[in-house]
Amino acid sequence: MFEGSKVELKMEKAVIISALPDEGIHICKVLRYDPEEDYIRLSLEKEELQTIQLDAKYRCDILTKTEIVTCTGVVKERFHDETGNVLIFKIENGFYSSQKTSKK
């Protein structure tokens, strides 16, 4: 459904008080979406895995050709395999979408 789409991952809230807030936007690509388990497998582009915290809530904006589909959740796993740096993102609240605005 979203495979190949660009993703912007942004921390909303650190779960552990001592965790440093992360103001950055992390660029990913959807490798696989599992609607039955509510997981998205993401490829983290151009960054190290350690930049993504496991004890934080993230907003995930999936940029399709016609809309931006957003969900929130947590990164359950992060690892490196033959496809690169991989994140397993657990969706917590379902999706909502908004229309993309065209740049002029």
C-alpha atoms as a PDB file:
ATOM      1  CA  MET A   1       0.000   0.000   0.000  1.00  0.00           C
ATOM      2  CA  PHE A   2       2.721   2.523   0.980  1.00  0.00           C
ATOM      3  CA  GLU A   3       5.765   0.584  -0.224  1.00  0.00           C
ATOM      4  CA  GLY A   4       8.423   2.869  -1.700  1.00  0.00           C
ATOM      5  CA  SER A   5       6.899   6.051  -0.245  1.00  0.00           C
ATOM      6  CA  LYS A   6       9.076   8.658   1.435  1.00  0.00           C
ATOM      7  CA  VAL A   7       8.572   9.087   5.198  1.00  0.00           C
ATOM      8  CA  GLU A   8       9.385  11.930   7.575  1.00  0.00           C
ATOM      9  CA  LEU A   9       9.827  10.628  11.121  1.00  0.00           C
ATOM     10  CA  LYS A  10       9.782  13.198  13.944  1.00  0.00           C
ATOM     11  CA  MET A  11       9.949  12.661  17.698  1.00  0.00           C
ATOM     12  CA  GLU A  12       6.864  13.901  19.531  1.00  0.00           C
ATOM     13  CA  LYS A  13       7.755  12.918  23.069  1.00  0.00           C
ATOM     14  CA  ALA A  14      10.543  11.116  24.915  1.00  0.00           C
ATOM     15  CA  VAL A  15       9.202   8.416  27.230  1.00  0.00           C
ATOM     16  CA  ILE A  16      12.193   8.496  29.596  1.00  0.00           C
ATOM     17  CA  ILE A  17      12.699  11.825  31.354  1.00  0.00           C
ATOM     18  CA  SER A  18      16.484  11.689  31.009  1.00  0.00           C
ATOM     19  CA  ALA A  19      16.301  11.186  27.217  1.00  0.00           C
ATOM     20  CA  LEU A  20      17.453  14.062  25.077  1.00  0.00           C
ATOM     21  CA  PRO A  21      14.756  15.631  22.909  1.00  0.00           C
ATOM     22  CA  ASP A  22      15.254  15.169  19.182  1.00  0.00           C
ATOM     23  CA  GLU A  23      14.114  18.090  17.040  1.00  0.00           C
ATOM     24  CA  GLY A  24      15.292  16.583  13.748  1.00  0.00           C
ATOM     25  CA  ILE A  25      13.286  15.097  10.920  1.00  0.00           C
ATOM     26  CA  HIS A  26      14.514  11.656   9.907  1.00  0.00           C
ATOM     27  CA  ILE A  27      14.009  10.650   6.278  1.00  0.00           C
ATOM     28  CA  CYS A  28      12.978   7.058   5.653  1.00  0.00           C
ATOM     29  CA  LYS A  29      11.400   4.926   2.948  1.00  0.00           C
ATOM     30  CA  VAL A  30       8.599   2.391   3.455  1.00  0.00           C
ATOM     31  CA  LEU A  31       9.859  -1.126   2.825  1.00  0.00           C
ATOM     32  CA  ARG A  32       6.683  -2.915   3.942  1.00  0.00           C
ATOM     33  CA  TYR A  33       3.383  -2.109   5.629  1.00  0.00           C
ATOM     34  CA  ASP A  34       1.637  -4.852   7.616  1.00  0.00           C
ATOM     35  CA  PRO A  35      -2.005  -3.778   8.185  1.00  0.00           C
ATOM     36  CA  GLU A  36      -2.862  -6.867  10.246  1.00  0.00           C
ATOM     37  CA  GLU A  37      -0.127  -6.223  12.828  1.00  0.00           C
ATOM     38  CA  ASP A  38      -0.063  -2.409  12.449  1.00  0.00           C
ATOM     39  CA  TYR A  39       3.664  -2.299  11.704  1.00  0.00           C
ATOM     40  CA  ILE A  40       5.635  -0.356   9.124  1.00  0.00           C
ATOM     41  CA  ARG A  41       9.106  -1.546   8.162  1.00  0.00           C
ATOM     42  CA  LEU A  42      11.183   1.522   7.276  1.00  0.00           C
ATOM     43  CA  SER A  43      14.594   2.043   5.722  1.00  0.00           C
ATOM     44  CA  LEU A  44      16.422   4.871   7.521  1.00  0.00           C
ATOM     45  CA  GLU A  45      18.143   6.990   4.879  1.00  0.00           C
ATOM     46  CA  LYS A  46      21.558   8.658   5.405  1.00  0.00           C
ATOM     47  CA  GLU A  47      21.629   8.386   9.221  1.00  0.00           C
ATOM     48  CA  GLU A  48      22.925   6.054  11.889  1.00  0.00           C
ATOM     49  CA  LEU A  49      20.448   3.829  13.731  1.00  0.00           C
ATOM     50  CA  GLN A  50      21.427   5.366  17.087  1.00  0.00           C
ATOM     51  CA  THR A  51      19.805   8.677  16.091  1.00  0.00           C
ATOM     52  CA  ILE A  52      16.420   6.978  16.575  1.00  0.00           C
ATOM     53  CA  GLN A  53      15.414   6.429  20.200  1.00  0.00           C
ATOM     54  CA  LEU A  54      13.523   3.321  21.239  1.00  0.00           C
ATOM     55  CA  ASP A  55      11.999   5.090  24.258  1.00  0.00           C
ATOM     56  CA  ALA A  56      10.103   7.793  22.397  1.00  0.00           C
ATOM     57  CA  LYS A  57       6.874   8.462  20.553  1.00  0.00           C
ATOM     58  CA  TYR A  58       7.227   9.481  16.926  1.00  0.00           C
ATOM     59  CA  ARG A  59       5.002  11.032  14.303  1.00  0.00           C
ATOM     60  CA  CYS A  60       5.290   9.275  10.952  1.00  0.00           C
ATOM     61  CA  ASP A  61       4.294  11.294   7.864  1.00  0.00           C
ATOM     62  CA  ILE A  62       4.031   9.089   4.765  1.00  0.00           C
ATOM     63  CA  LEU A  63       4.283  11.210   1.623  1.00  0.00           C
ATOM     64  CA  THR A  64       2.281   9.600  -1.171  1.00  0.00           C
ATOM     65  CA  LYS A  65       1.729  11.163  -4.599  1.00  0.00           C
ATOM     66  CA  THR A  66      -1.625  12.675  -3.614  1.00  0.00           C
ATOM     67  CA  GLU A  67      -1.666  13.042   0.161  1.00  0.00           C
ATOM     68  CA  ILE A  68       0.248  12.970   3.422  1.00  0.00           C
ATOM     69  CA  VAL A  69      -0.797  10.042   5.595  1.00  0.00           C
ATOM     70  CA  THR A  70       0.095  10.476   9.268  1.00  0.00           C
ATOM     71  CA  CYS A  71       0.216   8.151  12.252  1.00  0.00           C
ATOM     72  CA  THR A  72       1.971   8.053  15.600  1.00  0.00           C
ATOM     73  CA  GLY A  73       3.727   5.210  17.332  1.00  0.00           C
ATOM     74  CA  VAL A  74       7.022   3.854  18.597  1.00  0.00           C
ATOM     75  CA  VAL A  75      10.097   2.279  17.066  1.00  0.00           C
ATOM     76  CA  LYS A  76      10.110  -1.280  18.415  1.00  0.00           C
ATOM     77  CA  GLU A  77      13.311  -2.438  16.710  1.00  0.00           C
ATOM     78  CA  ARG A  78      16.237  -0.968  14.829  1.00  0.00           C
ATOM     79  CA  PHE A  79      18.855  -3.060  13.041  1.00  0.00           C
ATOM     80  CA  HIS A  80      21.052  -3.319   9.969  1.00  0.00           C
ATOM     81  CA  ASP A  81      20.459  -5.971   7.295  1.00  0.00           C
ATOM     82  CA  GLU A  82      21.037  -6.415   3.556  1.00  0.00           C
ATOM     83  CA  THR A  83      18.557  -3.603   2.781  1.00  0.00           C
ATOM     84  CA  GLY A  84      20.369  -1.113   5.057  1.00  0.00           C
ATOM     85  CA  ASN A  85      19.337   0.505   8.340  1.00  0.00           C
ATOM     86  CA  VAL A  86      15.877  -0.808   9.236  1.00  0.00           C
ATOM     87  CA  LEU A  87      13.280   0.460  11.721  1.00  0.00           C
ATOM     88  CA  ILE A  88      10.210  -1.478  12.832  1.00  0.00           C
ATOM     89  CA  PHE A  89       7.568   1.163  13.590  1.00  0.00           C
ATOM     90  CA  LYS A  90       4.488   0.119  15.617  1.00  0.00           C
ATOM     91  CA  ILE A  91       1.429   2.216  14.748  1.00  0.00           C
ATOM     92  CA  GLU A  92      -0.577   3.231  17.823  1.00  0.00           C
ATOM     93  CA  ASN A  93      -3.477   5.376  16.649  1.00  0.00           C
ATOM     94  CA  GLY A  94      -4.325   4.495  13.065  1.00  0.00           C
ATOM     95  CA  PHE A  95      -3.949   6.868  10.133  1.00  0.00           C
ATOM     96  CA  TYR A  96      -5.283  10.244   9.189  1.00  0.00           C
ATOM     97  CA  SER A  97      -4.585  12.062   5.946  1.00  0.00           C
ATOM     98  CA  SER A  98      -4.393  15.536   4.472  1.00  0.00           C
ATOM     99  CA  GLN A  99      -4.088  16.740   0.886  1.00  0.00           C
ATOM    100  CA  LYS A 100      -0.662  17.758  -0.347  1.00  0.00           C
ATOM    101  CA  THR A 101      -0.313  21.375  -1.293  1.00  0.00           C
ATOM    102  CA  SER A 102       1.270  22.084  -4.647  1.00  0.00           C
ATOM    103  CA  LYS A 103       4.311  24.360  -4.743  1.00  0.00           C
ATOM    104  CA  LYS A 104       4.180  27.246  -7.224  1.00  0.00           C
END
